[in-house]
């Protein structure tokens, strides 16, 4: 998620200064991600019931790596649109499933788990701004987008290791078919 702060700061500058994209096209690129998230967040919920939420967090982190590498290498607006599509998978998985995974990790304190999760989002945004400032000074644009790709790789590895440490669960076993509907 720290990549979002970095991206919202530097991707419009990159599009304007190096790709000479008009403002309307910059807006179209930036708005692609939230539009796709509206579709992907509910889809993540459905997929989590079949595949498991922790597994989808790993998939989301991998999509974040791809999206940010596309930003770092992207020399066309089309590539930036494609990067936005991949990053939307990352954001949809984290926002759609992250709090549920946090609560599963600490079921005796779901309120605390939720608070820690959402506090982490704020910390991530602050780190994204700081790392973006340092990264753009060292790597320039679009090289600065390697920073969130590396962060996504580290987080994806963490999600994967977390998933390995959890006891194996069949996502379909969480709710038996004959169980009464909950309100």
C-alpha atoms as a PDB file:
ATOM      1  CA  UNK A   1       0.000   0.000   0.000  1.00  0.00           C
ATOM      2  CA  UNK A   2       2.990   2.315   0.431  1.00  0.00           C
ATOM      3  CA  UNK A   3       3.321   2.129  -3.341  1.00  0.00           C
ATOM      4  CA  UNK A   4       0.010   3.966  -3.714  1.00  0.00           C
ATOM      5  CA  UNK A   5       1.325   7.032  -1.900  1.00  0.00           C
ATOM      6  CA  UNK A   6       4.485   6.941  -3.969  1.00  0.00           C
ATOM      7  CA  UNK A   7       2.555   6.352  -7.191  1.00  0.00           C
ATOM      8  CA  UNK A   8       0.051   9.140  -6.599  1.00  0.00           C
ATOM      9  CA  UNK A   9       2.947  11.521  -5.987  1.00  0.00           C
ATOM     10  CA  UNK A  10       5.247  10.584  -8.852  1.00  0.00           C
ATOM     11  CA  UNK A  11       3.270   8.841 -11.614  1.00  0.00           C
ATOM     12  CA  UNK A  12       1.487  12.057 -12.705  1.00  0.00           C
ATOM     13  CA  UNK A  13       4.856  13.865 -12.778  1.00  0.00           C
ATOM     14  CA  UNK A  14       6.356  11.059 -14.846  1.00  0.00           C
ATOM     15  CA  UNK A  15       3.433  11.112 -17.279  1.00  0.00           C
ATOM     16  CA  UNK A  16       3.609  14.893 -17.666  1.00  0.00           C
ATOM     17  CA  UNK A  17       7.378  15.397 -17.768  1.00  0.00           C
ATOM     18  CA  UNK A  18       8.608  12.312 -19.612  1.00  0.00           C
ATOM     19  CA  UNK A  19       5.628  11.030 -21.568  1.00  0.00           C
ATOM     20  CA  UNK A  20       4.084  14.442 -22.298  1.00  0.00           C
ATOM     21  CA  UNK A  21       0.642  13.051 -21.488  1.00  0.00           C
ATOM     22  CA  UNK A  22      -2.189  15.588 -21.370  1.00  0.00           C
ATOM     23  CA  UNK A  23      -3.990  16.089 -18.056  1.00  0.00           C
ATOM     24  CA  UNK A  24      -7.102  14.176 -19.162  1.00  0.00           C
ATOM     25  CA  UNK A  25      -5.006  11.103 -19.996  1.00  0.00           C
ATOM     26  CA  UNK A  26      -3.146  11.326 -16.705  1.00  0.00           C
ATOM     27  CA  UNK A  27      -6.497  11.368 -14.926  1.00  0.00           C
ATOM     28  CA  UNK A  28      -7.667   8.359 -16.927  1.00  0.00           C
ATOM     29  CA  UNK A  29      -4.561   6.380 -15.942  1.00  0.00           C
ATOM     30  CA  UNK A  30      -4.853   7.304 -12.256  1.00  0.00           C
ATOM     31  CA  UNK A  31      -8.604   6.574 -12.110  1.00  0.00           C
ATOM     32  CA  UNK A  32      -8.185   3.112 -13.630  1.00  0.00           C
ATOM     33  CA  UNK A  33      -7.093   1.544 -10.354  1.00  0.00           C
ATOM     34  CA  UNK A  34     -10.028   2.636  -8.144  1.00  0.00           C
ATOM     35  CA  UNK A  35     -12.534   1.682 -10.835  1.00  0.00           C
ATOM     36  CA  UNK A  36     -11.055  -1.801 -11.096  1.00  0.00           C
ATOM     37  CA  UNK A  37     -10.950  -2.082  -7.298  1.00  0.00           C
ATOM     38  CA  UNK A  38     -14.729  -1.594  -7.184  1.00  0.00           C
ATOM     39  CA  UNK A  39     -15.054  -4.743  -9.264  1.00  0.00           C
ATOM     40  CA  UNK A  40     -12.196  -6.711  -7.743  1.00  0.00           C
ATOM     41  CA  UNK A  41     -12.873  -6.285  -4.017  1.00  0.00           C
ATOM     42  CA  UNK A  42     -16.166  -8.250  -4.116  1.00  0.00           C
ATOM     43  CA  UNK A  43     -14.559 -10.787  -6.459  1.00  0.00           C
ATOM     44  CA  UNK A  44     -11.753 -11.267  -3.913  1.00  0.00           C
ATOM     45  CA  UNK A  45     -14.356 -12.102  -1.283  1.00  0.00           C
ATOM     46  CA  UNK A  46     -15.911 -14.758  -3.489  1.00  0.00           C
ATOM     47  CA  UNK A  47     -12.510 -16.181  -4.425  1.00  0.00           C
ATOM     48  CA  UNK A  48     -11.394 -16.184  -0.781  1.00  0.00           C
ATOM     49  CA  UNK A  49     -14.260 -18.524   0.047  1.00  0.00           C
ATOM     50  CA  UNK A  50     -12.937 -20.951  -2.558  1.00  0.00           C
ATOM     51  CA  UNK A  51      -9.163 -20.489  -2.355  1.00  0.00           C
ATOM     52  CA  UNK A  52      -8.479 -18.926   1.025  1.00  0.00           C
ATOM     53  CA  UNK A  53      -7.810 -15.277   1.823  1.00  0.00           C
ATOM     54  CA  UNK A  54      -4.138 -15.745   2.754  1.00  0.00           C
ATOM     55  CA  UNK A  55      -3.416 -17.331  -0.633  1.00  0.00           C
ATOM     56  CA  UNK A  56      -5.046 -14.368  -2.390  1.00  0.00           C
ATOM     57  CA  UNK A  57      -2.879 -11.944  -0.416  1.00  0.00           C
ATOM     58  CA  UNK A  58       0.170 -13.704  -1.885  1.00  0.00           C
ATOM     59  CA  UNK A  59      -1.356 -13.434  -5.365  1.00  0.00           C
ATOM     60  CA  UNK A  60      -2.090  -9.753  -4.736  1.00  0.00           C
ATOM     61  CA  UNK A  61       1.493  -9.072  -3.665  1.00  0.00           C
ATOM     62  CA  UNK A  62       2.764 -10.772  -6.829  1.00  0.00           C
ATOM     63  CA  UNK A  63       0.424  -8.607  -8.910  1.00  0.00           C
ATOM     64  CA  UNK A  64       1.816  -5.566  -7.073  1.00  0.00           C
ATOM     65  CA  UNK A  65       5.353  -6.565  -8.054  1.00  0.00           C
ATOM     66  CA  UNK A  66       4.333  -6.856 -11.707  1.00  0.00           C
ATOM     67  CA  UNK A  67       2.409  -3.571 -11.662  1.00  0.00           C
ATOM     68  CA  UNK A  68       5.239  -1.586 -10.116  1.00  0.00           C
ATOM     69  CA  UNK A  69       7.840  -3.127 -12.425  1.00  0.00           C
ATOM     70  CA  UNK A  70       5.621  -2.072 -15.322  1.00  0.00           C
ATOM     71  CA  UNK A  71       5.636   1.486 -13.939  1.00  0.00           C
ATOM     72  CA  UNK A  72       9.427   1.381 -13.582  1.00  0.00           C
ATOM     73  CA  UNK A  73       9.914   0.130 -17.131  1.00  0.00           C
ATOM     74  CA  UNK A  74       6.905   1.792 -18.709  1.00  0.00           C
ATOM     75  CA  UNK A  75       7.627   4.137 -21.532  1.00  0.00           C
ATOM     76  CA  UNK A  76       4.062   4.268 -22.824  1.00  0.00           C
ATOM     77  CA  UNK A  77       0.672   5.146 -21.445  1.00  0.00           C
ATOM     78  CA  UNK A  78      -0.614   1.671 -22.338  1.00  0.00           C
ATOM     79  CA  UNK A  79       1.989   0.078 -20.043  1.00  0.00           C
ATOM     80  CA  UNK A  80       0.929   2.424 -17.232  1.00  0.00           C
ATOM     81  CA  UNK A  81      -2.728   1.393 -17.682  1.00  0.00           C
ATOM     82  CA  UNK A  82      -1.599  -2.223 -17.488  1.00  0.00           C
ATOM     83  CA  UNK A  83       0.434  -1.471 -14.351  1.00  0.00           C
ATOM     84  CA  UNK A  84      -2.636   0.099 -12.775  1.00  0.00           C
ATOM     85  CA  UNK A  85      -4.633  -3.057 -13.490  1.00  0.00           C
ATOM     86  CA  UNK A  86      -2.045  -5.216 -11.704  1.00  0.00           C
ATOM     87  CA  UNK A  87      -1.758  -2.841  -8.746  1.00  0.00           C
ATOM     88  CA  UNK A  88      -5.552  -2.857  -8.398  1.00  0.00           C
ATOM     89  CA  UNK A  89      -5.331  -6.605  -7.712  1.00  0.00           C
ATOM     90  CA  UNK A  90      -2.863  -5.885  -4.889  1.00  0.00           C
ATOM     91  CA  UNK A  91      -5.013  -3.171  -3.352  1.00  0.00           C
ATOM     92  CA  UNK A  92      -8.228  -5.191  -3.731  1.00  0.00           C
ATOM     93  CA  UNK A  93      -6.669  -8.165  -1.979  1.00  0.00           C
ATOM     94  CA  UNK A  94      -5.299  -6.085   0.904  1.00  0.00           C
ATOM     95  CA  UNK A  95      -8.373  -3.904   1.406  1.00  0.00           C
ATOM     96  CA  UNK A  96     -10.855  -6.666   0.708  1.00  0.00           C
ATOM     97  CA  UNK A  97      -9.226  -9.471   2.669  1.00  0.00           C
ATOM     98  CA  UNK A  98      -6.498  -8.069   4.903  1.00  0.00           C
ATOM     99  CA  UNK A  99      -8.638  -7.352   7.941  1.00  0.00           C
ATOM    100  CA  UNK A 100     -10.194 -10.839   7.763  1.00  0.00           C
ATOM    101  CA  UNK A 101      -6.755 -12.439   7.677  1.00  0.00           C
ATOM    102  CA  UNK A 102      -5.641 -10.266  10.604  1.00  0.00           C
ATOM    103  CA  UNK A 103      -8.690 -11.375  12.580  1.00  0.00           C
ATOM    104  CA  UNK A 104      -8.013 -15.024  11.711  1.00  0.00           C
ATOM    105  CA  UNK A 105      -4.466 -14.622  13.012  1.00  0.00           C
ATOM    106  CA  UNK A 106      -5.700 -13.246  16.327  1.00  0.00           C
ATOM    107  CA  UNK A 107      -9.265 -14.586  16.809  1.00  0.00           C
ATOM    108  CA  UNK A 108      -9.340 -13.852  20.544  1.00  0.00           C
ATOM    109  CA  UNK A 109      -8.818 -10.155  19.840  1.00  0.00           C
ATOM    110  CA  UNK A 110     -10.542  -9.282  16.563  1.00  0.00           C
ATOM    111  CA  UNK A 111     -10.913  -5.629  17.560  1.00  0.00           C
ATOM    112  CA  UNK A 112      -7.210  -5.357  18.285  1.00  0.00           C
ATOM    113  CA  UNK A 113      -6.339  -7.238  15.081  1.00  0.00           C
ATOM    114  CA  UNK A 114      -8.528  -4.858  13.066  1.00  0.00           C
ATOM    115  CA  UNK A 115      -6.979  -1.796  14.713  1.00  0.00           C
ATOM    116  CA  UNK A 116      -3.449  -3.020  14.055  1.00  0.00           C
ATOM    117  CA  UNK A 117      -4.324  -3.773  10.436  1.00  0.00           C
ATOM    118  CA  UNK A 118      -5.788  -0.325   9.789  1.00  0.00           C
ATOM    119  CA  UNK A 119      -2.951   1.389  11.672  1.00  0.00           C
ATOM    120  CA  UNK A 120      -0.593  -0.428   9.346  1.00  0.00           C
ATOM    121  CA  UNK A 121      -2.275   1.206   6.362  1.00  0.00           C
ATOM    122  CA  UNK A 122      -1.517   4.652   7.793  1.00  0.00           C
ATOM    123  CA  UNK A 123       2.077   3.684   8.529  1.00  0.00           C
ATOM    124  CA  UNK A 124       2.402   2.319   5.017  1.00  0.00           C
ATOM    125  CA  UNK A 125       1.193   5.605   3.504  1.00  0.00           C
ATOM    126  CA  UNK A 126       3.719   7.571   5.556  1.00  0.00           C
ATOM    127  CA  UNK A 127       6.540   5.220   4.596  1.00  0.00           C
ATOM    128  CA  UNK A 128       5.543   5.429   0.932  1.00  0.00           C
ATOM    129  CA  UNK A 129       5.947   9.192   0.960  1.00  0.00           C
ATOM    130  CA  UNK A 130       9.318   9.056   2.704  1.00  0.00           C
ATOM    131  CA  UNK A 131      10.679   6.205   0.597  1.00  0.00           C
ATOM    132  CA  UNK A 132       9.388   7.872  -2.547  1.00  0.00           C
ATOM    133  CA  UNK A 133      11.271  11.073  -1.755  1.00  0.00           C
ATOM    134  CA  UNK A 134      14.490   9.172  -1.143  1.00  0.00           C
ATOM    135  CA  UNK A 135      13.904   6.819  -4.065  1.00  0.00           C
ATOM    136  CA  UNK A 136      13.243   9.520  -6.637  1.00  0.00           C
ATOM    137  CA  UNK A 137      16.419  11.324  -5.557  1.00  0.00           C
ATOM    138  CA  UNK A 138      18.455   8.125  -5.975  1.00  0.00           C
ATOM    139  CA  UNK A 139      16.689   6.325  -8.823  1.00  0.00           C
ATOM    140  CA  UNK A 140      14.910   9.106 -10.687  1.00  0.00           C
ATOM    141  CA  UNK A 141      11.713   8.555 -12.588  1.00  0.00           C
ATOM    142  CA  UNK A 142      10.458   6.023 -13.466  1.00  0.00           C
ATOM    143  CA  UNK A 143      13.121   4.067 -11.531  1.00  0.00           C
ATOM    144  CA  UNK A 144      11.528   5.093  -8.232  1.00  0.00           C
ATOM    145  CA  UNK A 145       8.794   2.518  -8.876  1.00  0.00           C
ATOM    146  CA  UNK A 146      11.296  -0.249  -8.206  1.00  0.00           C
ATOM    147  CA  UNK A 147      10.932   0.684  -4.506  1.00  0.00           C
ATOM    148  CA  UNK A 148       7.275  -0.451  -4.174  1.00  0.00           C
ATOM    149  CA  UNK A 149       8.074  -3.512  -6.318  1.00  0.00           C
ATOM    150  CA  UNK A 150      10.709  -4.529  -3.750  1.00  0.00           C
ATOM    151  CA  UNK A 151       8.323  -3.784  -0.880  1.00  0.00           C
ATOM    152  CA  UNK A 152       5.615  -5.892  -2.576  1.00  0.00           C
ATOM    153  CA  UNK A 153       8.111  -8.745  -2.924  1.00  0.00           C
ATOM    154  CA  UNK A 154       9.007  -8.568   0.771  1.00  0.00           C
ATOM    155  CA  UNK A 155       5.357  -8.391   1.815  1.00  0.00           C
ATOM    156  CA  UNK A 156       4.439 -11.228  -0.552  1.00  0.00           C
ATOM    157  CA  UNK A 157       7.161 -13.379   1.001  1.00  0.00           C
ATOM    158  CA  UNK A 158       5.821 -12.480   4.448  1.00  0.00           C
ATOM    159  CA  UNK A 159       2.273 -13.418   3.421  1.00  0.00           C
ATOM    160  CA  UNK A 160       3.556 -16.695   1.982  1.00  0.00           C
ATOM    161  CA  UNK A 161       5.496 -17.574   5.146  1.00  0.00           C
ATOM    162  CA  UNK A 162       2.501 -16.590   7.274  1.00  0.00           C
ATOM    163  CA  UNK A 163       0.330 -18.868   5.170  1.00  0.00           C
ATOM    164  CA  UNK A 164       2.778 -21.757   5.646  1.00  0.00           C
ATOM    165  CA  UNK A 165       2.756 -21.218   9.417  1.00  0.00           C
ATOM    166  CA  UNK A 166      -1.038 -21.399   9.625  1.00  0.00           C
ATOM    167  CA  UNK A 167      -2.684 -24.773  10.020  1.00  0.00           C
ATOM    168  CA  UNK A 168      -4.112 -25.997   6.740  1.00  0.00           C
ATOM    169  CA  UNK A 169      -7.761 -25.121   6.338  1.00  0.00           C
ATOM    170  CA  UNK A 170     -10.157 -25.878   3.578  1.00  0.00           C
ATOM    171  CA  UNK A 171     -11.894 -22.538   2.883  1.00  0.00           C
ATOM    172  CA  UNK A 172     -15.121 -24.380   2.075  1.00  0.00           C
ATOM    173  CA  UNK A 173     -15.022 -26.086   5.490  1.00  0.00           C
ATOM    174  CA  UNK A 174     -15.500 -22.781   7.312  1.00  0.00           C
ATOM    175  CA  UNK A 175     -19.219 -22.767   6.631  1.00  0.00           C
ATOM    176  CA  UNK A 176     -21.060 -26.051   6.153  1.00  0.00           C
ATOM    177  CA  UNK A 177     -23.704 -26.053   3.433  1.00  0.00           C
ATOM    178  CA  UNK A 178     -26.448 -26.986   5.883  1.00  0.00           C
ATOM    179  CA  UNK A 179     -25.586 -24.304   8.437  1.00  0.00           C
ATOM    180  CA  UNK A 180     -28.335 -21.762   9.106  1.00  0.00           C
ATOM    181  CA  UNK A 181     -27.937 -18.307   7.631  1.00  0.00           C
ATOM    182  CA  UNK A 182     -26.377 -15.779   9.992  1.00  0.00           C
ATOM    183  CA  UNK A 183     -27.801 -12.324  10.391  1.00  0.00           C
END
